[in-house]
Protein backbone atom coordinates (compact mmCIF):
# COMPACT_ATOMS: atom_id res chain seq x y z
CA UNK A 1 0.00 0.00 0.00
CA UNK A 2 1.28 3.45 -0.82
CA UNK A 3 2.06 5.82 2.03
CA UNK A 4 -0.52 8.30 0.80
CA UNK A 5 -3.19 5.61 0.59
CA UNK A 6 -2.41 4.40 4.11
CA UNK A 7 -2.48 7.95 5.52
CA UNK A 8 -5.83 8.60 3.84
CA UNK A 9 -7.29 5.35 5.24
CA UNK A 10 -6.14 6.26 8.77
CA UNK A 11 -7.62 9.76 8.42
CA UNK A 12 -10.95 8.27 7.29
CA UNK A 13 -10.93 5.88 10.28
CA UNK A 14 -10.26 8.75 12.70
CA UNK A 15 -13.01 10.86 11.14
CA UNK A 16 -15.43 7.94 11.36
CA UNK A 17 -14.61 7.31 15.04
CA UNK A 18 -14.45 11.01 15.92
CA UNK A 19 -11.18 10.52 17.79
CA UNK A 20 -7.48 11.01 17.05
CA UNK A 21 -5.56 7.72 16.98
CA UNK A 22 -2.11 9.01 16.08
CA UNK A 23 -0.02 12.01 17.00
CA UNK A 24 1.95 13.13 13.96
CA UNK A 25 5.17 15.14 14.29
CA UNK A 26 8.40 15.72 12.45
CA UNK A 27 9.88 12.96 14.59
CA UNK A 28 7.37 10.38 13.36
CA UNK A 29 3.98 9.00 14.39
CA UNK A 30 2.89 7.59 17.74
CA UNK A 31 -0.35 6.30 19.17
CA UNK A 32 -2.53 8.45 21.35
CA UNK A 33 -3.99 6.84 24.54
CA UNK A 34 -7.24 6.33 22.62
CA UNK A 35 -5.26 4.83 19.76
CA UNK A 36 -3.47 2.37 22.09
CA UNK A 37 -6.80 1.21 23.55
CA UNK A 38 -8.33 0.92 20.08
CA UNK A 39 -5.38 -1.19 18.90
CA UNK A 40 -5.62 -3.65 21.80
CA UNK A 41 -9.38 -4.00 21.35
CA UNK A 42 -8.97 -4.50 17.60
CA UNK A 43 -6.43 -7.29 18.21
CA UNK A 44 -8.91 -9.10 20.47
CA UNK A 45 -11.76 -8.65 17.99
CA UNK A 46 -9.68 -10.03 15.14
CA UNK A 47 -8.52 -12.99 17.24
CA UNK A 48 -12.13 -13.74 18.27
CA UNK A 49 -13.23 -13.52 14.65
CA UNK A 50 -10.51 -15.95 13.55
CA UNK A 51 -11.59 -18.33 16.33
CA UNK A 52 -15.22 -17.94 15.22
CA UNK A 53 -14.32 -18.84 11.64
CA UNK A 54 -12.24 -21.81 12.79
CA UNK A 55 -15.06 -23.09 15.03
CA UNK A 56 -17.64 -22.69 12.26
CA UNK A 57 -15.45 -24.67 9.88
CA UNK A 58 -14.90 -27.39 12.51
CA UNK A 59 -18.64 -27.58 13.16
CA UNK A 60 -19.25 -27.93 9.44
CA UNK A 61 -16.78 -30.83 9.32
CA UNK A 62 -18.37 -32.45 12.38
CA UNK A 63 -15.11 -32.35 14.33
CA UNK A 64 -16.61 -30.35 17.23
CA UNK A 65 -20.07 -30.22 18.73
CA UNK A 66 -22.32 -32.67 20.57
CA UNK A 67 -23.71 -36.11 19.72
CA UNK A 68 -26.57 -37.61 21.75
CA UNK A 69 -27.10 -41.36 21.29
CA UNK A 70 -30.04 -43.35 22.62
CA UNK A 71 -29.67 -47.01 23.63
CA UNK A 72 -32.31 -49.56 24.64
CA UNK A 73 -30.08 -51.21 27.27
CA UNK A 74 -26.62 -50.77 28.72
CA UNK A 75 -25.47 -54.05 27.15
CA UNK A 76 -25.87 -52.47 23.69
CA UNK A 77 -23.14 -49.97 24.56
CA UNK A 78 -20.79 -52.94 25.05
CA UNK A 79 -21.35 -53.99 21.44
CA UNK A 80 -20.78 -50.39 20.32
CA UNK A 81 -17.70 -49.92 22.51
CA UNK A 82 -15.26 -50.15 19.58
CA UNK A 83 -17.22 -47.62 17.52
CA UNK A 84 -17.52 -45.20 20.43
CA UNK A 85 -13.83 -45.53 21.25
CA UNK A 86 -12.71 -44.90 17.66
CA UNK A 87 -15.10 -41.98 17.30
CA UNK A 88 -13.92 -40.41 20.56
CA UNK A 89 -10.29 -40.75 19.45
CA UNK A 90 -10.94 -39.31 15.99
CA UNK A 91 -13.19 -36.48 17.18
CA UNK A 92 -11.97 -35.60 20.70
CA UNK A 93 -13.79 -32.24 20.66
CA UNK A 94 -17.24 -33.78 20.12
CA UNK A 95 -19.13 -34.34 23.36
CA UNK A 96 -20.85 -37.75 23.40
CA UNK A 97 -23.91 -38.26 25.58
CA UNK A 98 -25.70 -41.60 26.06
CA UNK A 99 -29.30 -42.12 27.12
CA UNK A 100 -30.69 -45.58 28.03
CA UNK A 101 -34.48 -45.80 27.62
CA UNK A 102 -37.24 -47.98 26.24
CA UNK A 103 -37.81 -48.12 22.49
CA UNK A 104 -40.95 -45.98 22.70
CA UNK A 105 -39.12 -43.29 24.68
CA UNK A 106 -36.11 -43.38 22.36
CA UNK A 107 -38.19 -42.89 19.23
CA UNK A 108 -40.22 -40.16 20.92
CA UNK A 109 -37.02 -38.32 21.89
CA UNK A 110 -35.71 -38.79 18.35
CA UNK A 111 -38.88 -37.25 16.91
CA UNK A 112 -38.59 -34.07 19.02
CA UNK A 113 -34.83 -33.70 18.54
CA UNK A 114 -33.60 -34.73 21.98
CA UNK A 115 -31.55 -37.52 20.35
CA UNK A 116 -29.39 -37.49 17.25
CA UNK A 117 -29.52 -41.26 16.81
CA UNK A 118 -31.27 -44.17 18.51
CA UNK A 119 -30.34 -47.86 18.57
CA UNK A 120 -33.53 -49.91 18.76
CA UNK A 121 -34.48 -53.56 18.53
CA UNK A 122 -36.82 -54.60 15.74
CA UNK A 123 -36.44 -51.44 13.63
CA UNK A 124 -38.59 -48.33 13.40
CA UNK A 125 -41.25 -47.83 10.72
CA UNK A 126 -41.20 -44.02 10.57
CA UNK A 127 -41.38 -42.00 7.36
CA UNK A 128 -39.40 -39.20 8.97
CA UNK A 129 -36.49 -41.49 9.85
CA UNK A 130 -33.78 -43.41 8.09
CA UNK A 131 -32.39 -46.64 9.53
CA UNK A 132 -29.41 -48.93 9.22
CA UNK A 133 -29.45 -52.58 10.28
CA UNK A 134 -26.56 -53.28 12.62
CA UNK A 135 -26.53 -56.76 14.11
CA UNK A 136 -28.87 -59.66 15.00
CA UNK A 137 -28.99 -61.47 18.33
CA UNK A 138 -30.57 -64.79 19.25
CA UNK A 139 -33.57 -64.81 21.56
CA UNK A 140 -32.85 -67.00 24.58
CA UNK A 141 -34.77 -67.99 27.68
CA UNK A 142 -33.23 -68.01 31.14
CA UNK A 143 -34.35 -70.84 33.45
CA UNK A 144 -33.13 -72.31 36.76
CA UNK A 145 -30.66 -75.17 36.28
CA UNK A 146 -33.05 -77.56 38.05
CA UNK A 147 -35.96 -76.64 35.78
CA UNK A 148 -37.01 -79.40 33.31
CA UNK A 149 -36.55 -76.94 30.41
CA UNK A 150 -32.87 -76.57 31.30
CA UNK A 151 -32.27 -80.17 30.14
CA UNK A 152 -33.49 -79.40 26.61
CA UNK A 153 -31.06 -78.56 23.77
CA UNK A 154 -33.34 -75.64 22.83
CA UNK A 155 -36.83 -74.36 23.63
CA UNK A 156 -39.89 -74.09 21.38
CA UNK A 157 -42.52 -71.44 21.95
CA UNK A 158 -45.00 -74.17 22.76
CA UNK A 159 -42.72 -75.29 25.61
CA UNK A 160 -43.40 -71.96 27.32
CA UNK A 161 -47.20 -72.21 27.42
CA UNK A 162 -47.38 -73.39 31.04
CA UNK A 163 -44.59 -71.14 32.30
CA UNK A 164 -44.72 -67.73 33.96
CA UNK A 165 -42.72 -65.38 31.72
CA UNK A 166 -41.32 -62.35 33.54
CA UNK A 167 -41.21 -59.30 31.27
CA UNK A 168 -39.50 -55.94 31.72
CA UNK A 169 -40.84 -52.51 30.83
CA UNK A 170 -37.26 -51.35 30.42
CA UNK A 171 -34.55 -51.82 27.81
CA UNK A 172 -35.84 -53.96 24.96
CA UNK A 173 -38.21 -55.87 27.24
CA UNK A 174 -41.24 -54.41 25.41
CA UNK A 175 -39.86 -55.68 22.06
CA UNK A 176 -39.38 -59.18 23.45
CA UNK A 177 -42.88 -59.05 24.93
CA UNK A 178 -44.28 -58.15 21.50
CA UNK A 179 -42.38 -61.06 19.93
CA UNK A 180 -43.80 -63.43 22.55
CA UNK A 181 -47.33 -62.19 21.93
CA UNK A 182 -46.93 -62.55 18.15
CA UNK A 183 -45.67 -66.12 18.41
CA UNK A 184 -48.40 -67.06 20.88
CA UNK A 185 -51.03 -65.73 18.48
CA UNK A 186 -49.47 -67.61 15.58
CA UNK A 187 -49.52 -70.86 17.56
CA UNK A 188 -53.00 -70.25 18.94
CA UNK A 189 -51.69 -70.32 22.51
CA UNK A 190 -51.80 -67.95 25.46
CA UNK A 191 -48.58 -67.14 27.32
CA UNK A 192 -48.64 -66.15 30.99
CA UNK A 193 -46.68 -62.88 31.07
CA UNK A 194 -45.95 -61.03 34.31
CA UNK A 195 -44.89 -57.41 33.79
CA UNK A 196 -42.22 -55.75 35.97
CA UNK A 197 -40.71 -52.28 36.23
CA UNK A 198 -37.28 -53.84 36.68
CA UNK A 199 -34.20 -54.51 34.59
CA UNK A 200 -32.93 -57.90 33.42
CA UNK A 201 -30.56 -58.42 36.34
CA UNK A 202 -33.38 -58.03 38.86
CA UNK A 203 -35.60 -60.40 36.88
CA UNK A 204 -32.83 -63.00 36.73
CA UNK A 205 -32.84 -63.00 40.53
CA UNK A 206 -36.50 -63.97 40.42
CA UNK A 207 -35.70 -66.67 37.86
CA UNK A 208 -33.04 -68.13 40.17
CA UNK A 209 -35.65 -68.10 42.95
CA UNK A 210 -37.96 -70.19 40.79
CA UNK A 211 -40.56 -67.46 40.25
CA UNK A 212 -40.62 -67.64 36.44
CA UNK A 213 -38.57 -67.53 33.24
CA UNK A 214 -37.11 -64.56 31.37
CA UNK A 215 -36.49 -63.97 27.68
CA UNK A 216 -33.37 -62.06 26.71
CA UNK A 217 -31.30 -61.34 23.65
CA UNK A 218 -28.10 -63.39 23.53
CA UNK A 219 -26.03 -60.21 23.73
CA UNK A 220 -27.45 -59.48 27.18
CA UNK A 221 -26.34 -62.84 28.61
CA UNK A 222 -23.48 -62.48 31.05
CA UNK A 223 -21.20 -65.12 32.53
CA UNK A 224 -21.31 -65.70 36.25
CA UNK A 225 -24.83 -67.15 36.58
CA UNK A 226 -24.12 -70.76 37.56
CA UNK A 227 -27.68 -71.21 38.85
CA UNK A 228 -29.20 -70.39 35.46
CA UNK A 229 -29.35 -72.03 32.06
CA UNK A 230 -29.77 -70.03 28.83
CA UNK A 231 -31.38 -71.81 25.89
CA UNK A 232 -32.22 -70.73 22.36
CA UNK A 233 -35.86 -70.12 21.57
CA UNK A 234 -36.95 -71.60 18.24
CA UNK A 235 -40.03 -71.94 16.10
CA UNK A 236 -40.76 -74.23 13.17
CA UNK A 237 -38.35 -72.27 10.95
CA UNK A 238 -35.43 -72.36 13.37
CA UNK A 239 -33.69 -69.88 15.65
CA UNK A 240 -35.55 -66.68 16.56
CA UNK A 241 -33.65 -63.42 16.24
CA UNK A 242 -34.00 -59.79 17.19
CA UNK A 243 -32.17 -57.33 14.93
CA UNK A 244 -30.88 -53.98 16.13
CA UNK A 245 -31.07 -50.86 14.00
CA UNK A 246 -29.67 -47.35 14.09
CA UNK A 247 -32.39 -44.75 13.43
CA UNK A 248 -32.04 -41.01 12.79
CA UNK A 249 -34.11 -38.16 11.37
CA UNK A 250 -33.88 -37.62 7.62
CA UNK A 251 -33.77 -33.86 8.07
CA UNK A 252 -31.10 -33.79 10.79
CA UNK A 253 -28.60 -30.92 10.73
CA UNK A 254 -25.82 -32.24 12.96
CA UNK A 255 -22.52 -32.71 11.07
CA UNK A 256 -21.19 -34.77 14.00
CA UNK A 257 -23.88 -37.35 13.23
CA UNK A 258 -22.66 -37.63 9.63
CA UNK A 259 -19.19 -38.53 10.91
CA UNK A 260 -20.60 -41.05 13.38
CA UNK A 261 -22.77 -42.73 10.74
CA UNK A 262 -19.77 -43.10 8.44
CA UNK A 263 -17.83 -44.78 11.22
CA UNK A 264 -20.83 -46.93 12.17
CA UNK A 265 -21.15 -48.19 8.59
CA UNK A 266 -17.43 -48.96 8.48
CA UNK A 267 -17.72 -50.99 11.71
CA UNK A 268 -20.90 -52.92 10.87
CA UNK A 269 -19.08 -56.20 10.19
CA UNK A 270 -17.35 -55.89 13.57
CA UNK A 271 -20.58 -55.37 15.52
CA UNK A 272 -21.77 -58.98 15.23
CA UNK A 273 -21.83 -60.71 18.63
CA UNK A 274 -19.40 -63.61 18.76
CA UNK A 275 -22.07 -66.33 18.61
CA UNK A 276 -23.58 -64.78 15.46
CA UNK A 277 -20.27 -64.22 13.65
CA UNK A 278 -19.42 -67.87 14.15
CA UNK A 279 -22.54 -69.00 12.28
C-alpha cells in the first residue's frame, strides 16, 4: 500500500470514530492513549473472529459439537464400545452423551430432537427417519438349572405355554414381549406374562428363585450365573432373532452425526456378537 493511501485510510478511520488515533510530528507517528486502547481491542476482535471462523469450519466438518445417542439397554453400549472408542479418538472435541431408555421413549425423543440417533431392537417404521441394520442377536430364555426346560437342547414357543414369563418394561423388554405375543397368536396359545418395572438383572434374581422364566437377547447374557441355564428359543423355521437398527431423522442438521454414521457403517461387520459371527 502506498504511504498516501495508508495515511488517507487512517484519516478516514479517525473521522469515522471522531477521535485522534495518532499524533503526527516531524519525529514520526505515535499512538494516542485512545489509539493504544483501540489497537488492543482490535487485536482481540480479530482474534475472536478468527476463532469464530475456525469453530464454524470445525462444526461444518463435524469435528466439534455434541452427539446424543439413545440405547435400549446398557449391554448395547458394550457392542458399540469399539465404535464409540474410535469416534472419541478421531473427534476428541465432540461431546458424546448416552441415554438408556425404552424403544418408545427413544423414538419419541428422536422425533422431538432430543436424540441425534437411537439404537432400537426390531427397527422403526417411521417415514421421517432413516435406519441402518446393525446386528442380530438370538432370543434365549433363562431358566433355573433344576428346571425341566434346562435339560433341553433348545426351547420351542410351545414349551413356554405353562410357564410364567417375567417381562420388563425397560430396555428392549417391550420388544421381546411383542415377539412373545406374536408367536403365541401364531400358535393359537396364550402365554402367561408377568410385567415388571425392573431390569434384566433383577428379573434374573426372580428366575433363580424359581418365580418364572425370562427372555433375553443373547447379547445381554453375562457369565457368572451358575444357577441359570440359557437356551435358544426356536419356532418351526429355526432360531428366533431380534435385529438392532440405528435410526435417525432424515432432516437432521448435525454434522457430528454424519461422521458417526460413516464410522458406524465402516464398523458394521465388527458389531456382530461372537455367537452370530461364528454361524
